[in-house]
Amino acid sequence: MKAFIFDLNGTMVHDMEYHTRAWQQLFNEDLGGRFSWDEVKPQMYGKNREVLVRMFGPDRFTGEEMDRVSLEKERRYQREFLPHLALLPGLMELLEQAHQQGIPMAIGSAAIPFNIDFVLDNLQIRHYFQAIVSADDVTVSKPNPEVFLRCAELLGVPPASCIVFEDVPKGAEAAHNAGMQAVVLTTTHSEAEFAHLPNVRHCAPDYTDAFMRGLVA
């Protein structure tokens, strides 16, 4: 028995540049920051509230203000990314073959439901996933394993039977902490940045190579 768990942003769709751009614009133009691209990019993981705390400290915003800023950021991201929205090459074929073979699949993402719905419904791929765990469903973000353990629980499979698809080191580390193997998409980070993680089985820019095809052979 095996199951596939997919992170969303940067793993299923190549959109992290758009997230980073939306955050940087909002930080600097709306919130008075002076953050460079290189300062913003490493912070692109975890819940939106966590991103805001890392960039501005714990006392700058109320919870209500963070939710409002977060939603505005996602609106800007979606507006800019929609014309480019597409699955990474080879992923549709992988999803369809896994579906035909009865391999259970889930999404485990730090994205809010507003963004997960944006991808799944515009690309009409919701039917492939038996479970979706979003930022709203966990208390602690990656590298804490909660999101992936919750996916395994909902799929009804043991963690050791899960393969996690990720694009950031914190996500692959969360998979390791959950006792799961990881396959890395190098859309956001280089292969070398994952070298310290013993659970990474493979790195690739998309889903078209022989290793990916072999997962559903």
Protein backbone atom coordinates (compact mmCIF):
# COMPACT_ATOMS: atom_id res chain seq x y z
CA MET A 1 0.00 0.00 0.00
CA LYS A 2 1.25 3.50 -0.82
CA ALA A 3 -0.19 6.96 -0.88
CA PHE A 4 0.87 10.26 -2.42
CA ILE A 5 0.76 13.56 -0.51
CA PHE A 6 1.36 16.76 -2.46
CA ASP A 7 2.34 20.16 -1.23
CA LEU A 8 0.67 22.70 -3.49
CA ASN A 9 2.56 25.89 -4.28
CA GLY A 10 5.84 25.24 -6.08
CA THR A 11 5.11 21.50 -6.11
CA MET A 12 1.99 21.16 -8.22
CA VAL A 13 2.10 24.60 -9.84
CA HIS A 14 5.18 26.73 -10.48
CA ASP A 15 3.97 29.85 -8.70
CA MET A 16 6.38 30.71 -5.90
CA GLU A 17 7.76 33.70 -7.80
CA TYR A 18 4.23 35.14 -7.85
CA HIS A 19 3.78 34.59 -4.12
CA THR A 20 7.11 36.24 -3.40
CA ARG A 21 6.30 39.17 -5.66
CA ALA A 22 2.88 39.69 -4.05
CA TRP A 23 4.38 39.62 -0.56
CA GLN A 24 7.25 41.96 -1.42
CA GLN A 25 4.89 44.47 -3.00
CA LEU A 26 2.57 44.37 -0.03
CA PHE A 27 5.41 44.55 2.53
CA ASN A 28 7.03 47.56 0.91
CA GLU A 29 4.22 49.51 -0.72
CA ASP A 30 1.45 48.92 1.80
CA LEU A 31 3.18 48.17 5.09
CA GLY A 32 6.18 50.50 4.93
CA GLY A 33 8.87 47.83 4.67
CA ARG A 34 12.12 47.99 2.72
CA PHE A 35 12.67 44.32 2.00
CA SER A 36 14.72 43.09 -0.93
CA TRP A 37 13.75 40.05 -3.01
CA ASP A 38 16.54 38.06 -1.36
CA GLU A 39 15.17 38.92 2.08
CA VAL A 40 11.62 37.92 1.19
CA LYS A 41 12.25 34.69 -0.73
CA PRO A 42 13.62 32.59 2.20
CA GLN A 43 10.49 33.40 4.20
CA MET A 44 8.13 31.79 1.70
CA TYR A 45 7.00 28.90 3.85
CA GLY A 46 4.43 28.29 6.57
CA LYS A 47 1.16 30.07 7.25
CA ASN A 48 0.65 33.66 6.14
CA ARG A 49 0.43 34.81 9.75
CA GLU A 50 3.81 33.19 10.40
CA VAL A 51 5.32 34.99 7.41
CA LEU A 52 4.09 38.33 8.74
CA VAL A 53 5.50 37.66 12.20
CA ARG A 54 8.88 36.65 10.78
CA MET A 55 9.07 39.83 8.72
CA PHE A 56 7.58 42.40 11.14
CA GLY A 57 7.78 40.81 14.59
CA PRO A 58 5.01 39.51 16.87
CA ASP A 59 3.57 42.86 17.95
CA ARG A 60 2.98 44.70 14.67
CA PHE A 61 -0.45 43.28 13.76
CA THR A 62 -3.57 42.04 15.48
CA GLY A 63 -4.95 38.70 14.37
CA GLU A 64 -7.70 40.47 12.45
CA GLU A 65 -5.17 42.70 10.69
CA MET A 66 -3.06 39.70 9.70
CA ASP A 67 -6.09 37.96 8.21
CA ARG A 68 -6.97 41.06 6.22
CA VAL A 69 -3.40 41.49 4.93
CA SER A 70 -3.22 37.78 4.11
CA LEU A 71 -6.39 37.85 2.03
CA GLU A 72 -5.23 40.94 0.12
CA LYS A 73 -1.92 39.25 -0.64
CA GLU A 74 -3.71 36.18 -2.01
CA ARG A 75 -5.99 38.30 -4.17
CA ARG A 76 -2.95 39.97 -5.73
CA TYR A 77 -1.22 36.63 -6.24
CA GLN A 78 -4.26 35.07 -7.90
CA ARG A 79 -4.83 38.03 -10.18
CA GLU A 80 -1.23 37.92 -11.43
CA PHE A 81 -0.87 34.13 -11.64
CA LEU A 82 -4.22 33.14 -13.17
CA PRO A 83 -3.10 33.63 -16.82
CA HIS A 84 -0.16 31.29 -16.13
CA LEU A 85 -1.97 28.70 -14.01
CA ALA A 86 -1.00 25.17 -15.08
CA LEU A 87 0.21 21.96 -13.50
CA LEU A 88 3.90 21.18 -13.69
CA PRO A 89 4.75 19.07 -16.77
CA GLY A 90 3.91 15.42 -16.30
CA LEU A 91 1.79 15.89 -13.18
CA MET A 92 -1.60 15.45 -14.85
CA GLU A 93 -0.44 12.12 -16.24
CA LEU A 94 0.86 11.04 -12.82
CA LEU A 95 -2.41 12.00 -11.13
CA GLU A 96 -4.49 10.15 -13.68
CA GLN A 97 -2.37 6.97 -13.55
CA ALA A 98 -2.35 7.00 -9.75
CA HIS A 99 -6.11 7.50 -9.77
CA GLN A 100 -6.60 4.58 -12.15
CA GLN A 101 -4.46 2.38 -9.90
CA GLY A 102 -6.39 3.33 -6.79
CA ILE A 103 -3.47 5.06 -5.08
CA PRO A 104 -4.95 7.40 -2.45
CA MET A 105 -3.83 11.01 -2.76
CA ALA A 106 -3.99 14.10 -0.56
CA ILE A 107 -2.89 17.71 -0.50
CA GLY A 108 -1.00 18.89 2.58
CA SER A 109 -0.31 22.59 2.26
CA ALA A 110 0.26 25.71 4.33
CA ALA A 111 -1.99 27.54 1.87
CA ILE A 112 -5.36 28.81 3.00
CA PRO A 113 -8.46 27.17 1.43
CA PHE A 114 -8.98 30.27 -0.73
CA ASN A 115 -5.76 29.46 -2.59
CA ILE A 116 -6.20 25.69 -2.67
CA ASP A 117 -9.66 26.15 -4.19
CA PHE A 118 -8.18 28.58 -6.73
CA VAL A 119 -5.85 25.88 -8.07
CA LEU A 120 -8.06 22.80 -7.80
CA ASP A 121 -11.20 24.32 -9.23
CA ASN A 122 -9.62 26.32 -12.05
CA LEU A 123 -7.68 23.22 -13.15
CA GLN A 124 -10.61 20.88 -12.40
CA ILE A 125 -8.50 18.34 -10.49
CA ARG A 126 -10.28 18.19 -7.13
CA HIS A 127 -11.62 14.69 -7.84
CA TYR A 128 -8.12 13.20 -7.65
CA PHE A 129 -7.73 13.94 -3.94
CA GLN A 130 -9.40 12.07 -1.11
CA ALA A 131 -8.13 14.50 1.54
CA ILE A 132 -7.11 18.16 1.70
CA VAL A 133 -5.32 19.60 4.72
CA SER A 134 -4.84 23.37 4.65
CA ALA A 135 -3.38 26.01 6.94
CA ASP A 136 -6.75 26.19 8.66
CA ASP A 137 -6.57 22.52 9.66
CA VAL A 138 -3.28 22.48 11.59
CA THR A 139 -1.91 24.32 14.60
CA VAL A 140 1.81 24.13 13.76
CA SER A 141 3.36 24.56 10.32
CA LYS A 142 6.13 22.66 8.59
CA PRO A 143 8.73 21.43 9.53
CA ASN A 144 6.32 20.15 12.17
CA PRO A 145 4.85 16.94 10.69
CA GLU A 146 1.25 17.66 11.70
CA VAL A 147 0.00 18.44 8.19
CA PHE A 148 1.36 15.23 6.67
CA LEU A 149 0.33 13.03 9.59
CA ARG A 150 -3.16 14.45 9.30
CA CYS A 151 -3.20 13.59 5.58
CA ALA A 152 -2.15 10.00 6.33
CA GLU A 153 -4.84 9.73 8.97
CA LEU A 154 -7.54 10.96 6.61
CA LEU A 155 -6.36 8.62 3.85
CA GLY A 156 -6.31 5.71 6.27
CA VAL A 157 -2.70 4.70 5.54
CA PRO A 158 0.36 4.46 7.81
CA PRO A 159 2.87 7.32 7.52
CA ALA A 160 5.61 4.98 6.32
CA SER A 161 3.50 4.18 3.26
CA CYS A 162 3.29 7.83 2.16
CA ILE A 163 5.44 9.58 -0.41
CA VAL A 164 5.46 13.36 -0.02
CA PHE A 165 6.06 15.70 -2.96
CA GLU A 166 7.64 18.98 -1.83
CA ASP A 167 9.59 21.95 -3.15
CA VAL A 168 11.12 23.52 -0.01
CA PRO A 169 13.55 22.11 2.58
CA LYS A 170 11.17 22.82 5.47
CA GLY A 171 8.53 20.71 3.74
CA ALA A 172 10.87 17.80 3.06
CA GLU A 173 12.00 18.07 6.68
CA ALA A 174 8.36 17.86 7.79
CA ALA A 175 8.02 14.67 5.76
CA HIS A 176 11.12 13.28 7.48
CA ASN A 177 9.66 14.18 10.86
CA ALA A 178 6.48 12.33 9.87
CA GLY A 179 8.44 9.20 8.93
CA MET A 180 7.72 9.67 5.22
CA GLN A 181 9.87 9.59 2.10
CA ALA A 182 10.05 12.77 0.01
CA VAL A 183 10.36 13.55 -3.67
CA VAL A 184 11.58 17.08 -4.34
CA LEU A 185 10.58 19.44 -7.13
CA THR A 186 13.44 21.87 -7.73
CA THR A 187 11.19 24.74 -8.79
CA THR A 188 12.12 26.91 -5.80
CA HIS A 189 15.33 25.54 -4.27
CA SER A 190 18.37 23.73 -5.64
CA GLU A 191 18.97 20.03 -5.08
CA ALA A 192 21.96 20.86 -2.89
CA GLU A 193 19.69 22.57 -0.35
CA PHE A 194 18.10 19.18 0.42
CA ALA A 195 21.35 17.24 0.78
CA HIS A 196 21.10 17.08 4.59
CA LEU A 197 17.73 15.26 4.52
CA PRO A 198 18.03 11.46 4.47
CA ASN A 199 14.43 10.88 3.37
CA VAL A 200 14.75 12.59 -0.03
CA ARG A 201 14.55 9.87 -2.67
CA HIS A 202 14.74 11.97 -5.81
CA CYS A 203 14.96 15.57 -7.09
CA ALA A 204 13.61 16.74 -10.43
CA PRO A 205 12.38 19.96 -12.06
CA ASP A 206 9.01 18.38 -12.97
CA TYR A 207 7.20 15.05 -13.23
CA THR A 208 8.36 13.91 -16.66
CA ASP A 209 11.50 11.90 -15.83
CA ALA A 210 11.78 8.12 -15.51
CA PHE A 211 11.74 8.09 -11.70
CA MET A 212 8.42 9.91 -11.57
CA ARG A 213 6.88 7.63 -14.17
CA GLY A 214 8.19 4.64 -12.23
CA LEU A 215 6.14 5.60 -9.19
CA VAL A 216 2.98 4.56 -11.03
CA ALA A 217 4.45 1.92 -13.34
